[in-house]
Amino acid sequence: MQKTVSFTTLGCKVNQYDTQAMLELFEQHGYSAVSGNVPADVYVVNTCTVTGSGDKKSMQLIRRCRRRNPQAELIVCGCLAQRMGAELLPTGARLILGNQYRGQVVELLEEAIRENVQKVAVGDIQNVPYETLTIHAHEGHTRAVMKIQEGCDNRCTYCIIPSVRGNIRSRTLEDIRREAEALAMAGFQELVLTGIHLTSYGRDLEGRPSLADAMRAANVEGVSRIRLGSLEPRVANEAFVAAAREMPELCPQFHLALQSGSDQVLRRMKRGYNTTQFLEAVQRIRAAWPDAAFTTDVIVGFPGETEEEFQETIDFCRKVGFSRLHVFPFSPREGTPAAEMDGQLPEHVKSQRVNRLIQVGNELADDYRQRFIGRKVSVLVEDPAPDGGMTGYTPEYIHVVMDRGETGRLVTVELRALTEEGMSGVVVD
């Protein structure tokens, strides 16, 4: 009887890629993938530890899998596994797998079962080579996430990621092109290039290829859209914008990580840029794509953040005109400098500021989408809408509800009105 495996993934797009790569390895070894609601022989929880909330959700999912089938084998992998290692043995996991050795996940599991032991495969993540994982599909998606970079050399004072993802490592251009071709052959029209610190792509490779080089390598026949993951503003120099402008497949949606709109807070975070430099990057991109969508992350309630500094963040977000804000309260992570800083803010203050900035983000999102009413745009059809019709996304990552469409196809839609999540329209081709 064929064994089954079920994956649950928390966190970023890099984790989504890692999950897909491991899922394909299980399938190559004869396992059948099942959804999280179905009892399975093996559960894999790909965890997140970027915030305290990520830790909590990861542990909840581990316990839920254990309850669903107490006899099943359990693998805990990802960033929480890298950080805690053997401390997770009481969960009963057969295999605790860090952020290396993922290409050996099936062999490590079956070895632990044969030996009837719990195995901890968590090694030093610093100064290790890029672990080449490969995907040929992306379960349940019409766009495929492609990881082209791993690790981060920055030392932002609030961030634990460098300690659980290691130093920067980049995927070769040849490898990127090969996987892009396989995904195009599988029918994916949109590729999302992602990494832990995508801005640093190529810095470690011979010849120092740039992110623009990686974009060109992924832009193979059959791919209609290239979308970029999270970037830092310093990537948007004149050379990058000029190269990107020559690629019509590039989606004009740029996720530039802000974190704070106060220069004083940015210095305490050790972000390596200020608001003037950030705004210059936005203006450079906007000169090439006047209707470009800018999305961002903002941490609210960083230690010592005054009401005036928080107001600077609100004012700066309005000045940029973001199309979407992802707002998070500051979460102290043990082992980071920010966790030991003076001026830790009460939770109720952080919560109030989060709600205020979310409201600003909603207003900015409406303002941005308003300009598209009456326009005819390209939409990649994804899923059925709850009330009929289909949903999908424009190149600017506007969520669209439309009257019809075939999953995985590009259609032209005339946008008619705003919705709570995006816009609605009718297919015109």
Protein backbone atom coordinates (compact mmCIF):
# COMPACT_ATOMS: atom_id res chain seq x y z
CA MET A 1 0.00 0.00 0.00
CA GLN A 2 1.38 3.42 -0.99
CA LYS A 3 2.52 5.58 1.92
CA THR A 4 1.19 9.11 2.24
CA VAL A 5 2.84 12.37 3.28
CA SER A 6 1.25 15.66 4.32
CA PHE A 7 3.05 19.02 4.40
CA THR A 8 2.15 22.12 6.40
CA THR A 9 4.10 25.30 5.71
CA LEU A 10 4.44 28.49 7.72
CA GLY A 11 6.28 31.67 6.88
CA CYS A 12 7.82 33.06 3.73
CA LYS A 13 7.90 32.13 0.05
CA VAL A 14 11.33 30.55 0.57
CA ASN A 15 9.67 28.06 2.90
CA GLN A 16 7.02 27.40 0.23
CA TYR A 17 9.77 26.54 -2.23
CA ASP A 18 11.58 24.30 0.26
CA THR A 19 8.32 22.47 0.97
CA GLN A 20 7.66 21.84 -2.71
CA ALA A 21 11.20 20.55 -3.22
CA MET A 22 10.88 18.11 -0.29
CA LEU A 23 7.41 17.04 -1.41
CA GLU A 24 8.79 16.10 -4.84
CA LEU A 25 11.55 14.08 -3.16
CA PHE A 26 8.94 12.10 -1.23
CA GLU A 27 7.00 11.49 -4.45
CA GLN A 28 10.18 10.25 -6.14
CA HIS A 29 10.47 7.70 -3.32
CA GLY A 30 6.95 6.41 -3.89
CA TYR A 31 4.97 8.49 -1.41
CA SER A 32 1.65 10.10 -2.29
CA ALA A 33 0.96 13.66 -1.11
CA VAL A 34 -2.33 14.31 0.72
CA SER A 35 -3.87 17.50 2.11
CA GLY A 36 -3.50 18.51 5.74
CA ASN A 37 -7.08 17.46 6.57
CA VAL A 38 -6.48 13.82 5.62
CA PRO A 39 -4.71 11.33 7.94
CA ALA A 40 -1.22 10.60 6.63
CA ASP A 41 1.65 8.23 7.32
CA VAL A 42 4.14 11.10 7.52
CA TYR A 43 3.55 14.72 8.57
CA VAL A 44 6.08 17.40 7.71
CA VAL A 45 5.78 20.79 9.43
CA ASN A 46 7.98 23.44 7.81
CA THR A 47 8.27 26.01 10.58
CA CYS A 48 8.89 29.73 10.98
CA THR A 49 10.68 31.53 13.81
CA VAL A 50 10.88 35.13 12.55
CA THR A 51 8.50 36.26 15.32
CA GLY A 52 7.13 34.90 18.57
CA SER A 53 3.85 34.37 16.73
CA GLY A 54 5.69 32.16 14.21
CA ASP A 55 7.06 30.03 17.05
CA LYS A 56 3.61 29.69 18.60
CA LYS A 57 1.86 28.76 15.36
CA SER A 58 4.60 26.24 14.54
CA MET A 59 4.18 24.46 17.87
CA GLN A 60 0.39 24.46 17.50
CA LEU A 61 0.66 22.80 14.09
CA ILE A 62 3.13 20.21 15.38
CA ARG A 63 0.68 19.26 18.15
CA ARG A 64 -2.24 19.21 15.70
CA CYS A 65 -0.45 16.76 13.40
CA ARG A 66 0.40 14.56 16.35
CA ARG A 67 -3.29 14.47 17.40
CA ARG A 68 -4.52 13.77 13.87
CA ASN A 69 -2.62 10.49 13.67
CA PRO A 70 -0.58 9.59 16.77
CA GLN A 71 0.98 6.63 14.92
CA ALA A 72 2.30 8.75 12.05
CA GLU A 73 5.91 9.76 11.62
CA LEU A 74 6.54 13.46 12.23
CA ILE A 75 9.22 15.68 10.68
CA VAL A 76 9.80 19.17 12.07
CA CYS A 77 11.93 21.24 9.72
CA GLY A 78 12.71 24.84 8.84
CA CYS A 79 13.78 27.83 10.90
CA LEU A 80 12.35 26.82 14.29
CA ALA A 81 14.01 23.42 13.91
CA GLN A 82 17.31 25.11 13.03
CA ARG A 83 17.07 27.36 16.10
CA MET A 84 15.89 24.81 18.67
CA GLY A 85 17.32 21.53 17.39
CA ALA A 86 17.23 18.81 20.06
CA GLU A 87 14.94 20.96 22.25
CA LEU A 88 12.13 19.78 19.94
CA LEU A 89 12.65 16.08 20.74
CA PRO A 90 9.79 16.09 23.30
CA THR A 91 7.36 16.74 20.42
CA GLY A 92 7.96 13.13 19.43
CA ALA A 93 9.28 14.09 16.01
CA ARG A 94 11.12 11.25 14.31
CA LEU A 95 13.29 13.77 12.42
CA ILE A 96 14.24 17.33 13.31
CA LEU A 97 15.67 18.87 10.16
CA GLY A 98 17.36 22.26 9.95
CA ASN A 99 17.95 24.48 6.93
CA GLN A 100 20.53 22.26 5.28
CA TYR A 101 20.26 18.52 4.43
CA ARG A 102 16.74 19.02 3.04
CA GLY A 103 17.73 17.16 -0.10
CA GLN A 104 18.26 14.08 2.09
CA VAL A 105 14.94 14.33 3.95
CA VAL A 106 13.54 10.96 2.85
CA GLU A 107 16.79 9.05 3.46
CA LEU A 108 17.19 10.62 6.91
CA LEU A 109 13.62 9.77 7.87
CA GLU A 110 13.83 6.17 6.70
CA GLU A 111 17.20 5.74 8.40
CA ALA A 112 15.73 6.99 11.71
CA ILE A 113 12.77 4.59 11.33
CA ARG A 114 15.06 1.61 10.65
CA GLU A 115 17.20 2.45 13.67
CA ASN A 116 14.08 3.25 15.75
CA VAL A 117 15.59 6.53 16.97
CA GLN A 118 14.77 10.21 16.86
CA LYS A 119 17.25 11.96 14.61
CA VAL A 120 18.40 15.59 14.83
CA ALA A 121 19.84 16.76 11.50
CA VAL A 122 20.74 20.32 12.46
CA GLY A 123 24.24 21.51 11.65
CA ASP A 124 26.17 24.75 11.62
CA ILE A 125 24.45 26.94 9.03
CA GLN A 126 27.28 29.46 8.64
CA ASN A 127 29.66 29.23 5.68
CA VAL A 128 27.91 26.27 4.08
CA PRO A 129 27.41 25.95 0.31
CA TYR A 130 24.14 26.65 -1.46
CA GLU A 131 21.97 23.56 -1.16
CA THR A 132 20.60 22.90 -4.64
CA LEU A 133 16.97 21.86 -4.41
CA THR A 134 14.78 21.51 -7.48
CA ILE A 135 11.08 21.77 -8.24
CA HIS A 136 9.10 20.86 -11.35
CA ALA A 137 5.69 22.02 -10.17
CA HIS A 138 4.09 24.00 -7.38
CA GLU A 139 1.18 22.20 -5.77
CA GLY A 140 -2.05 24.17 -5.75
CA HIS A 141 -0.59 27.25 -7.46
CA THR A 142 -0.83 28.84 -10.89
CA ARG A 143 2.42 30.74 -10.31
CA ALA A 144 5.64 29.04 -9.29
CA VAL A 145 8.00 30.31 -6.60
CA MET A 146 11.67 29.89 -7.56
CA LYS A 147 14.30 30.21 -4.83
CA ILE A 148 17.48 31.69 -6.25
CA GLN A 149 19.23 32.85 -3.08
CA GLU A 150 19.66 31.73 0.53
CA GLY A 151 20.90 33.38 3.73
CA CYS A 152 21.63 36.94 4.82
CA ASP A 153 24.80 38.76 5.90
CA ASN A 154 22.98 41.78 7.36
CA ARG A 155 22.75 42.08 11.09
CA CYS A 156 19.58 44.09 11.66
CA THR A 157 19.21 44.45 15.40
CA TYR A 158 15.75 42.84 15.58
CA CYS A 159 16.30 39.90 13.22
CA ILE A 160 17.09 36.30 14.04
CA ILE A 161 17.10 35.09 10.43
CA PRO A 162 20.89 35.24 9.75
CA SER A 163 21.45 32.82 12.64
CA VAL A 164 18.94 30.26 11.28
CA ARG A 165 19.48 30.74 7.52
CA GLY A 166 23.22 31.36 7.47
CA ASN A 167 25.41 33.42 5.17
CA ILE A 168 24.41 34.54 1.68
CA ARG A 169 24.56 31.81 -0.99
CA SER A 170 23.32 32.17 -4.55
CA ARG A 171 22.10 29.78 -7.19
CA THR A 172 24.00 29.72 -10.48
CA LEU A 173 22.47 31.30 -13.58
CA GLU A 174 22.61 27.96 -15.39
CA ASP A 175 20.65 26.29 -12.59
CA ILE A 176 18.07 29.09 -12.59
CA ARG A 177 17.58 28.79 -16.35
CA ARG A 178 17.23 25.00 -16.16
CA GLU A 179 14.53 25.12 -13.49
CA ALA A 180 12.68 27.98 -15.23
CA GLU A 181 12.53 25.90 -18.40
CA ALA A 182 11.13 22.92 -16.47
CA LEU A 183 8.45 25.10 -14.84
CA ALA A 184 7.54 26.69 -18.17
CA MET A 185 7.18 23.18 -19.65
CA ALA A 186 4.84 22.36 -16.75
CA GLY A 187 2.61 25.26 -17.80
CA PHE A 188 3.51 27.97 -15.29
CA GLN A 189 3.21 31.40 -16.88
CA GLU A 190 4.43 33.35 -13.85
CA LEU A 191 7.64 32.77 -11.90
CA VAL A 192 8.27 34.51 -8.58
CA LEU A 193 11.99 34.88 -7.87
CA THR A 194 12.63 34.78 -4.15
CA GLY A 195 15.36 34.46 -1.54
CA ILE A 196 16.11 35.30 2.06
CA HIS A 197 17.99 38.44 0.95
CA LEU A 198 17.27 38.67 -2.77
CA THR A 199 19.07 42.02 -3.05
CA SER A 200 22.43 40.29 -2.42
CA TYR A 201 21.98 37.75 -5.24
CA GLY A 202 25.26 36.85 -6.98
CA ARG A 203 27.62 38.57 -4.56
CA ASP A 204 29.16 35.21 -3.66
CA LEU A 205 29.38 33.77 -7.19
CA GLU A 206 32.27 33.89 -9.62
CA GLY A 207 31.85 36.88 -11.92
CA ARG A 208 29.38 38.41 -9.46
CA PRO A 209 26.22 38.15 -11.60
CA SER A 210 23.50 40.63 -10.64
CA LEU A 211 19.84 40.19 -9.81
CA ALA A 212 19.09 41.52 -13.30
CA ASP A 213 21.20 38.64 -14.70
CA ALA A 214 19.12 36.18 -12.67
CA MET A 215 15.91 37.74 -13.99
CA ARG A 216 17.16 37.32 -17.56
CA ALA A 217 18.10 33.68 -16.85
CA ALA A 218 14.58 32.95 -15.60
CA ASN A 219 12.94 34.72 -18.53
CA VAL A 220 12.67 31.63 -20.73
CA GLU A 221 10.26 30.80 -23.54
CA GLY A 222 6.77 30.10 -22.20
CA VAL A 223 7.06 32.41 -19.20
CA SER A 224 4.80 35.45 -19.47
CA ARG A 225 5.55 37.04 -16.11
CA ILE A 226 8.56 37.43 -13.84
CA ARG A 227 7.79 38.72 -10.35
CA LEU A 228 10.36 39.64 -7.71
CA GLY A 229 10.24 38.85 -4.01
CA SER A 230 11.24 41.20 -1.21
CA LEU A 231 13.97 43.72 -2.03
CA GLU A 232 15.92 46.45 -0.28
CA PRO A 233 15.88 49.96 -1.79
CA ARG A 234 19.58 49.91 -2.66
CA VAL A 235 18.92 47.33 -5.38
CA ALA A 236 17.06 49.97 -7.40
CA ASN A 237 20.06 51.76 -8.88
CA GLU A 238 20.01 53.16 -12.41
CA ALA A 239 21.62 50.03 -13.91
CA PHE A 240 19.01 47.72 -12.37
CA VAL A 241 16.07 49.88 -13.43
CA ALA A 242 17.44 50.18 -16.98
CA ALA A 243 17.92 46.41 -17.26
CA ALA A 244 14.51 45.68 -15.77
CA ARG A 245 12.80 48.16 -18.07
CA GLU A 246 14.00 46.13 -21.07
CA MET A 247 12.11 43.09 -19.78
CA PRO A 248 8.38 43.44 -20.55
CA GLU A 249 7.71 40.23 -18.64
CA LEU A 250 8.72 41.86 -15.34
CA CYS A 251 5.70 42.62 -13.17
CA PRO A 252 5.71 46.27 -12.02
CA GLN A 253 5.13 45.33 -8.39
CA PHE A 254 8.05 45.94 -6.07
CA HIS A 255 8.13 44.82 -2.47
CA LEU A 256 10.64 47.24 -0.92
CA ALA A 257 11.09 46.43 2.76
CA LEU A 258 10.79 49.70 4.72
CA GLN A 259 10.43 48.55 8.38
CA SER A 260 10.16 52.16 9.63
CA GLY A 261 9.59 55.60 8.16
CA SER A 262 11.68 57.25 10.89
CA ASP A 263 15.40 57.72 10.25
CA GLN A 264 16.14 57.47 13.97
CA VAL A 265 14.38 54.11 14.21
CA LEU A 266 16.08 52.88 11.05
CA ARG A 267 19.44 53.66 12.64
CA ARG A 268 18.52 51.71 15.76
CA MET A 269 17.45 48.84 13.52
CA LYS A 270 20.76 49.07 11.56
CA ARG A 271 18.88 48.89 8.28
CA GLY A 272 21.67 50.54 6.25
CA TYR A 273 19.51 53.14 4.46
CA ASN A 274 17.43 56.18 5.34
CA THR A 275 14.09 57.48 4.14
CA THR A 276 15.70 59.79 1.58
CA GLN A 277 17.47 56.85 -0.08
CA PHE A 278 14.28 54.80 0.06
CA LEU A 279 12.27 57.56 -1.62
CA GLU A 280 14.94 57.97 -4.31
CA ALA A 281 14.62 54.26 -5.13
CA VAL A 282 10.84 54.60 -5.40
CA GLN A 283 11.14 57.64 -7.66
CA ARG A 284 13.67 55.86 -9.89
CA ILE A 285 11.33 52.91 -10.35
CA ARG A 286 8.26 55.10 -10.74
CA ALA A 287 9.97 57.05 -13.54
CA ALA A 288 10.14 53.77 -15.48
CA TRP A 289 6.72 52.43 -14.42
CA PRO A 290 4.40 55.34 -13.46
CA ASP A 291 1.75 52.96 -12.11
CA ALA A 292 4.15 50.59 -10.34
CA ALA A 293 2.78 49.03 -7.15
CA PHE A 294 4.95 49.40 -4.06
CA THR A 295 4.27 47.01 -1.19
CA THR A 296 6.22 46.93 2.06
CA ASP A 297 6.68 45.60 5.58
CA VAL A 298 6.58 47.88 8.62
CA ILE A 299 7.54 46.98 12.18
CA VAL A 300 5.57 49.02 14.71
CA GLY A 301 6.63 49.60 18.31
CA PHE A 302 10.37 49.09 17.94
CA PRO A 303 12.18 49.78 21.27
CA GLY A 304 12.24 53.48 22.00
CA GLU A 305 9.77 54.38 19.23
CA THR A 306 8.15 57.66 20.25
CA GLU A 307 4.77 58.92 19.13
CA GLU A 308 6.62 61.43 16.94
CA GLU A 309 8.70 58.68 15.30
CA PHE A 310 5.58 56.61 14.69
CA GLN A 311 3.90 59.64 13.11
CA GLU A 312 6.95 60.00 10.84
CA THR A 313 6.28 56.44 9.65
CA ILE A 314 2.64 57.25 8.90
CA ASP A 315 3.62 60.42 7.02
CA PHE A 316 6.31 58.61 5.03
CA CYS A 317 3.96 55.78 4.03
CA ARG A 318 1.53 58.37 2.71
CA LYS A 319 4.35 60.16 0.89
CA VAL A 320 5.44 56.99 -0.92
CA GLY A 321 1.87 55.95 -1.69
CA PHE A 322 2.23 52.24 -1.02
CA SER A 323 -0.34 49.96 -2.62
CA ARG A 324 -0.22 47.56 0.33
CA LEU A 325 1.23 47.60 3.85
CA HIS A 326 2.14 44.50 5.87
CA VAL A 327 2.18 45.72 9.46
CA PHE A 328 3.73 43.81 12.36
CA PRO A 329 4.20 44.65 16.04
CA PHE A 330 7.80 44.43 17.21
CA SER A 331 8.49 40.95 18.59
CA PRO A 332 11.66 40.63 20.69
CA ARG A 333 13.70 37.61 19.65
CA GLU A 334 16.08 36.13 22.21
CA GLY A 335 19.68 36.58 21.12
CA THR A 336 19.11 39.77 19.11
CA PRO A 337 20.36 43.22 20.24
CA ALA A 338 16.86 44.72 20.03
CA ALA A 339 15.56 42.31 22.65
CA GLU A 340 17.97 43.88 25.17
CA MET A 341 17.37 47.52 24.20
CA ASP A 342 15.90 50.01 26.63
CA GLY A 343 12.50 51.45 25.89
CA GLN A 344 10.53 48.26 25.24
CA LEU A 345 6.96 49.37 24.53
CA PRO A 346 3.85 47.92 26.22
CA GLU A 347 1.79 45.55 24.12
CA HIS A 348 -1.28 47.80 24.20
CA VAL A 349 0.74 50.68 22.69
CA LYS A 350 2.07 48.42 19.93
CA SER A 351 -1.41 47.06 19.25
CA GLN A 352 -2.93 50.53 19.01
CA ARG A 353 -0.24 51.69 16.60
CA VAL A 354 -0.58 48.56 14.48
CA ASN A 355 -4.31 49.22 14.09
CA ARG A 356 -3.71 52.86 13.17
CA LEU A 357 -1.17 51.97 10.50
CA ILE A 358 -3.36 49.19 9.09
CA GLN A 359 -6.10 51.78 8.63
CA VAL A 360 -3.65 54.02 6.77
CA GLY A 361 -2.64 51.03 4.63
CA ASN A 362 -6.28 50.35 3.74
CA GLU A 363 -6.74 53.97 2.65
CA LEU A 364 -3.58 53.87 0.54
CA ALA A 365 -4.65 50.59 -1.06
CA ASP A 366 -8.00 52.09 -2.05
CA ASP A 367 -6.29 55.21 -3.43
CA TYR A 368 -3.94 53.10 -5.53
CA ARG A 369 -6.61 50.82 -6.96
CA GLN A 370 -8.96 53.70 -7.73
CA ARG A 371 -6.80 54.75 -10.67
CA PHE A 372 -7.41 51.40 -12.40
CA ILE A 373 -11.20 51.71 -12.64
CA GLY A 374 -12.17 51.51 -16.29
CA ARG A 375 -8.83 50.12 -17.43
CA LYS A 376 -8.32 46.90 -19.36
CA VAL A 377 -5.62 44.82 -17.70
CA SER A 378 -4.04 41.39 -17.93
CA VAL A 379 -5.09 38.94 -15.19
CA LEU A 380 -3.64 35.51 -14.44
CA VAL A 381 -6.66 33.38 -13.53
CA GLU A 382 -6.22 31.41 -10.32
CA ASP A 383 -9.20 30.17 -8.30
CA PRO A 384 -13.00 30.06 -8.33
CA ALA A 385 -14.60 32.99 -6.51
CA PRO A 386 -16.87 32.12 -3.54
CA ASP A 387 -19.92 33.73 -5.20
CA GLY A 388 -19.22 32.50 -8.72
CA GLY A 389 -16.79 33.56 -11.39
CA MET A 390 -13.03 33.40 -10.97
CA THR A 391 -10.23 35.28 -9.21
CA GLY A 392 -6.71 36.23 -10.25
CA TYR A 393 -4.01 38.89 -10.11
CA THR A 394 -2.85 41.71 -12.34
CA PRO A 395 0.89 42.34 -12.91
CA GLU A 396 0.61 44.97 -10.13
CA TYR A 397 -0.69 42.23 -7.82
CA ILE A 398 -4.22 43.60 -7.64
CA HIS A 399 -6.62 40.83 -6.66
CA VAL A 400 -9.44 40.68 -9.25
CA VAL A 401 -12.82 38.94 -9.16
CA MET A 402 -14.10 38.40 -12.71
CA ASP A 403 -17.07 36.73 -14.35
CA ARG A 404 -15.17 33.83 -15.97
CA GLY A 405 -11.78 32.43 -16.89
CA GLU A 406 -9.70 29.26 -17.06
CA THR A 407 -7.26 28.54 -14.24
CA GLY A 408 -3.66 29.24 -15.23
CA ARG A 409 -4.59 31.36 -18.25
CA LEU A 410 -4.03 35.06 -18.89
CA VAL A 411 -7.16 37.03 -19.78
CA THR A 412 -7.94 40.70 -20.41
CA VAL A 413 -10.30 42.17 -17.84
CA GLU A 414 -11.99 45.55 -17.71
CA LEU A 415 -11.87 46.67 -14.08
CA ARG A 416 -15.18 48.11 -12.87
CA ALA A 417 -15.12 48.63 -9.10
CA LEU A 418 -13.21 48.27 -5.85
CA THR A 419 -13.81 45.31 -3.56
CA GLU A 420 -12.68 44.73 0.01
CA GLU A 421 -9.61 42.78 -1.15
CA GLY A 422 -9.03 44.24 -4.61
CA MET A 423 -11.21 44.94 -7.64
CA SER A 424 -13.95 43.39 -9.75
CA GLY A 425 -14.28 43.33 -13.52
CA VAL A 426 -15.44 41.51 -16.62
CA VAL A 427 -13.43 39.50 -19.12
CA VAL A 428 -13.35 41.30 -22.48
CA ASP A 429 -11.32 38.97 -24.71
